[in-house]
Amino acid sequence: QVQLVESGGGLAQPGGSLTLSCAASGFAFSAYGMTWARQAPGKGLDWVAGIDSDGSGATYADFVKGRFTISRDNAKNTVYLQMNNLKPDDTALYYCAKDPSPSSVPYTCLLAPASCSWGQGTQVTVSS
């Protein structure tokens, strides 16, 4: 079955950096787009970024554009989220998700969560 395991979360200072990883198994990783989403304390789920199956296309939410970079290594079945210039508002539980198609269409996994497969999340806390 599909398994997604996020890692790399932790405590970072404002202006700092973290890199999240999501290790995938149980499906043909290189055939599907992948998504990162987050849920801040007391708030709903937000779409953060997505990347197409071959890594050729990446899209970002406005609030992370220029600070976060999504990438993938299909040989390692892993998708990454490089987060720079972190802000306290970035504090959240970060999830990766398998998109239902090779193209990662923004917000697909939020609008139709049952069409995607989700990991358990990794906590990111940004605080001085």
C-alpha atoms as a PDB file:
ATOM      1  CA  GLN A   1       0.000   0.000   0.000  1.00  0.00           C
ATOM      2  CA  VAL A   2       1.003   3.626  -0.380  1.00  0.00           C
ATOM      3  CA  GLN A   3       3.262   4.846   2.388  1.00  0.00           C
ATOM      4  CA  LEU A   4       4.574   8.381   2.806  1.00  0.00           C
ATOM      5  CA  VAL A   5       6.917   9.220   5.659  1.00  0.00           C
ATOM      6  CA  GLU A   6       7.862  12.831   6.317  1.00  0.00           C
ATOM      7  CA  SER A   7      10.970  13.856   8.227  1.00  0.00           C
ATOM      8  CA  GLY A   8      13.196  16.844   8.820  1.00  0.00           C
ATOM      9  CA  GLY A   9      10.913  18.973  10.928  1.00  0.00           C
ATOM     10  CA  GLY A  10      11.997  20.636  14.127  1.00  0.00           C
ATOM     11  CA  LEU A  11      12.653  23.962  15.737  1.00  0.00           C
ATOM     12  CA  ALA A  12      14.128  26.784  13.704  1.00  0.00           C
ATOM     13  CA  GLN A  13      14.769  30.431  14.416  1.00  0.00           C
ATOM     14  CA  PRO A  14      13.151  33.157  12.340  1.00  0.00           C
ATOM     15  CA  GLY A  15      15.242  33.608   9.220  1.00  0.00           C
ATOM     16  CA  GLY A  16      16.546  30.069   9.490  1.00  0.00           C
ATOM     17  CA  SER A  17      16.210  27.092   7.190  1.00  0.00           C
ATOM     18  CA  LEU A  18      14.947  23.541   7.276  1.00  0.00           C
ATOM     19  CA  THR A  19      14.664  20.832   4.652  1.00  0.00           C
ATOM     20  CA  LEU A  20      11.772  18.415   4.841  1.00  0.00           C
ATOM     21  CA  SER A  21      11.879  15.008   3.190  1.00  0.00           C
ATOM     22  CA  CYS A  22       9.090  12.634   2.259  1.00  0.00           C
ATOM     23  CA  ALA A  23      10.047   9.040   1.546  1.00  0.00           C
ATOM     24  CA  ALA A  24       7.522   7.199  -0.608  1.00  0.00           C
ATOM     25  CA  SER A  25       6.856   3.523  -1.113  1.00  0.00           C
ATOM     26  CA  GLY A  26       4.141   1.188  -2.352  1.00  0.00           C
ATOM     27  CA  PHE A  27       3.506   2.880  -5.697  1.00  0.00           C
ATOM     28  CA  ALA A  28       5.271   3.994  -8.884  1.00  0.00           C
ATOM     29  CA  PHE A  29       6.662   7.226  -7.430  1.00  0.00           C
ATOM     30  CA  SER A  30       7.939   8.612 -10.750  1.00  0.00           C
ATOM     31  CA  ALA A  31       4.440   8.440 -12.253  1.00  0.00           C
ATOM     32  CA  TYR A  32       2.713  10.832  -9.853  1.00  0.00           C
ATOM     33  CA  GLY A  33       2.821  14.446  -8.898  1.00  0.00           C
ATOM     34  CA  MET A  34       3.513  15.240  -5.270  1.00  0.00           C
ATOM     35  CA  THR A  35       2.177  17.926  -2.971  1.00  0.00           C
ATOM     36  CA  TRP A  36       3.208  19.581   0.278  1.00  0.00           C
ATOM     37  CA  ALA A  37       0.504  21.028   2.527  1.00  0.00           C
ATOM     38  CA  ARG A  38       0.493  22.364   6.076  1.00  0.00           C
ATOM     39  CA  GLN A  39      -1.833  22.919   8.989  1.00  0.00           C
ATOM     40  CA  ALA A  40      -1.078  25.633  11.488  1.00  0.00           C
ATOM     41  CA  PRO A  41      -2.373  25.348  15.063  1.00  0.00           C
ATOM     42  CA  GLY A  42      -6.104  26.011  15.142  1.00  0.00           C
ATOM     43  CA  LYS A  43      -6.335  26.515  11.381  1.00  0.00           C
ATOM     44  CA  GLY A  44      -7.325  24.533   8.328  1.00  0.00           C
ATOM     45  CA  LEU A  45      -5.106  22.763   5.860  1.00  0.00           C
ATOM     46  CA  ASP A  46      -3.176  25.006   3.425  1.00  0.00           C
ATOM     47  CA  TRP A  47      -1.683  23.977   0.118  1.00  0.00           C
ATOM     48  CA  VAL A  48       2.035  24.879   0.031  1.00  0.00           C
ATOM     49  CA  ALA A  49       3.632  23.522  -3.149  1.00  0.00           C
ATOM     50  CA  GLY A  50       3.397  20.858  -5.802  1.00  0.00           C
ATOM     51  CA  ILE A  51       5.708  19.214  -8.301  1.00  0.00           C
ATOM     52  CA  ASP A  52       4.983  17.194 -11.424  1.00  0.00           C
ATOM     53  CA  SER A  53       5.987  13.572 -11.746  1.00  0.00           C
ATOM     54  CA  ASP A  54       9.176  14.262 -13.698  1.00  0.00           C
ATOM     55  CA  GLY A  55      10.093  17.354 -11.712  1.00  0.00           C
ATOM     56  CA  SER A  56       9.642  19.613 -14.725  1.00  0.00           C
ATOM     57  CA  GLY A  57       6.966  21.791 -13.163  1.00  0.00           C
ATOM     58  CA  ALA A  58       6.673  23.225  -9.670  1.00  0.00           C
ATOM     59  CA  THR A  59       4.062  25.572  -8.235  1.00  0.00           C
ATOM     60  CA  TYR A  60       3.929  27.471  -4.964  1.00  0.00           C
ATOM     61  CA  ALA A  61       1.478  29.238  -2.723  1.00  0.00           C
ATOM     62  CA  ASP A  62       2.055  32.970  -2.703  1.00  0.00           C
ATOM     63  CA  PHE A  63       2.973  32.972   0.974  1.00  0.00           C
ATOM     64  CA  VAL A  64       6.029  30.722   0.367  1.00  0.00           C
ATOM     65  CA  LYS A  65       7.035  31.832  -3.116  1.00  0.00           C
ATOM     66  CA  GLY A  66      10.685  32.865  -3.176  1.00  0.00           C
ATOM     67  CA  ARG A  67      11.394  31.201   0.172  1.00  0.00           C
ATOM     68  CA  PHE A  68      10.497  27.523  -0.314  1.00  0.00           C
ATOM     69  CA  THR A  69      11.660  25.132  -3.034  1.00  0.00           C
ATOM     70  CA  ILE A  70      10.068  21.798  -3.816  1.00  0.00           C
ATOM     71  CA  SER A  71      12.136  19.122  -5.545  1.00  0.00           C
ATOM     72  CA  ARG A  72      12.165  15.386  -6.017  1.00  0.00           C
ATOM     73  CA  ASP A  73      14.592  12.548  -6.602  1.00  0.00           C
ATOM     74  CA  ASN A  74      12.790   9.791  -8.452  1.00  0.00           C
ATOM     75  CA  ALA A  75      15.738   7.436  -8.030  1.00  0.00           C
ATOM     76  CA  LYS A  76      15.309   7.741  -4.260  1.00  0.00           C
ATOM     77  CA  ASN A  77      11.496   7.907  -4.247  1.00  0.00           C
ATOM     78  CA  THR A  78      11.736  11.083  -2.219  1.00  0.00           C
ATOM     79  CA  VAL A  79      10.270  14.575  -2.440  1.00  0.00           C
ATOM     80  CA  TYR A  80      11.803  17.508  -0.596  1.00  0.00           C
ATOM     81  CA  LEU A  81      10.776  20.917   0.639  1.00  0.00           C
ATOM     82  CA  GLN A  82      13.650  23.328   1.184  1.00  0.00           C
ATOM     83  CA  MET A  83      12.443  26.131   3.460  1.00  0.00           C
ATOM     84  CA  ASN A  84      14.497  29.302   3.774  1.00  0.00           C
ATOM     85  CA  ASN A  85      13.906  32.585   5.563  1.00  0.00           C
ATOM     86  CA  LEU A  86      11.448  30.906   7.891  1.00  0.00           C
ATOM     87  CA  LYS A  87       8.853  33.005   9.694  1.00  0.00           C
ATOM     88  CA  PRO A  88       6.856  32.307  12.851  1.00  0.00           C
ATOM     89  CA  ASP A  89       3.773  32.032  10.622  1.00  0.00           C
ATOM     90  CA  ASP A  90       5.389  28.986   8.985  1.00  0.00           C
ATOM     91  CA  THR A  91       4.857  27.052  12.223  1.00  0.00           C
ATOM     92  CA  ALA A  92       2.660  24.113  11.254  1.00  0.00           C
ATOM     93  CA  LEU A  93       2.388  20.389  10.761  1.00  0.00           C
ATOM     94  CA  TYR A  94       3.674  19.718   7.252  1.00  0.00           C
ATOM     95  CA  TYR A  95       2.246  16.898   5.166  1.00  0.00           C
ATOM     96  CA  CYS A  96       3.269  15.398   1.861  1.00  0.00           C
ATOM     97  CA  ALA A  97       0.691  13.834  -0.415  1.00  0.00           C
ATOM     98  CA  LYS A  98       0.623  11.736  -3.571  1.00  0.00           C
ATOM     99  CA  ASP A  99      -1.363  13.445  -6.292  1.00  0.00           C
ATOM    100  CA  PRO A 100      -3.866  11.405  -8.326  1.00  0.00           C
ATOM    101  CA  SER A 101      -2.102  12.128 -11.644  1.00  0.00           C
ATOM    102  CA  PRO A 102       1.349  12.897 -13.091  1.00  0.00           C
ATOM    103  CA  SER A 103       0.585  16.608 -12.994  1.00  0.00           C
ATOM    104  CA  SER A 104       0.435  18.277  -9.603  1.00  0.00           C
ATOM    105  CA  VAL A 105      -2.485  20.650  -9.956  1.00  0.00           C
ATOM    106  CA  PRO A 106      -2.566  23.208  -7.127  1.00  0.00           C
ATOM    107  CA  TYR A 107      -5.121  22.524  -4.384  1.00  0.00           C
ATOM    108  CA  THR A 108      -6.232  19.164  -5.843  1.00  0.00           C
ATOM    109  CA  CYS A 109      -5.384  17.269  -2.656  1.00  0.00           C
ATOM    110  CA  LEU A 110      -7.148  19.869  -0.499  1.00  0.00           C
ATOM    111  CA  LEU A 111     -10.312  19.982  -2.595  1.00  0.00           C
ATOM    112  CA  ALA A 112     -10.474  16.204  -3.007  1.00  0.00           C
ATOM    113  CA  PRO A 113      -8.436  14.740  -0.159  1.00  0.00           C
ATOM    114  CA  ALA A 114      -9.685  11.205  -0.763  1.00  0.00           C
ATOM    115  CA  SER A 115      -8.108  11.274  -4.221  1.00  0.00           C
ATOM    116  CA  CYS A 116      -4.672  11.672  -2.652  1.00  0.00           C
ATOM    117  CA  SER A 117      -2.606   9.655  -0.224  1.00  0.00           C
ATOM    118  CA  TRP A 118      -1.197  11.430   2.804  1.00  0.00           C
ATOM    119  CA  GLY A 119       1.676  11.038   5.198  1.00  0.00           C
ATOM    120  CA  GLN A 120       1.457  11.527   8.938  1.00  0.00           C
ATOM    121  CA  GLY A 121       3.181  14.897   8.948  1.00  0.00           C
ATOM    122  CA  THR A 122       6.270  16.464  10.461  1.00  0.00           C
ATOM    123  CA  GLN A 123       6.138  19.396  12.851  1.00  0.00           C
ATOM    124  CA  VAL A 124       7.915  22.642  12.043  1.00  0.00           C
ATOM    125  CA  THR A 125       8.160  25.291  14.746  1.00  0.00           C
ATOM    126  CA  VAL A 126       9.672  28.688  14.032  1.00  0.00           C
ATOM    127  CA  SER A 127      10.456  30.620  17.167  1.00  0.00           C
ATOM    128  CA  SER A 128      13.240  32.601  18.773  1.00  0.00           C
END
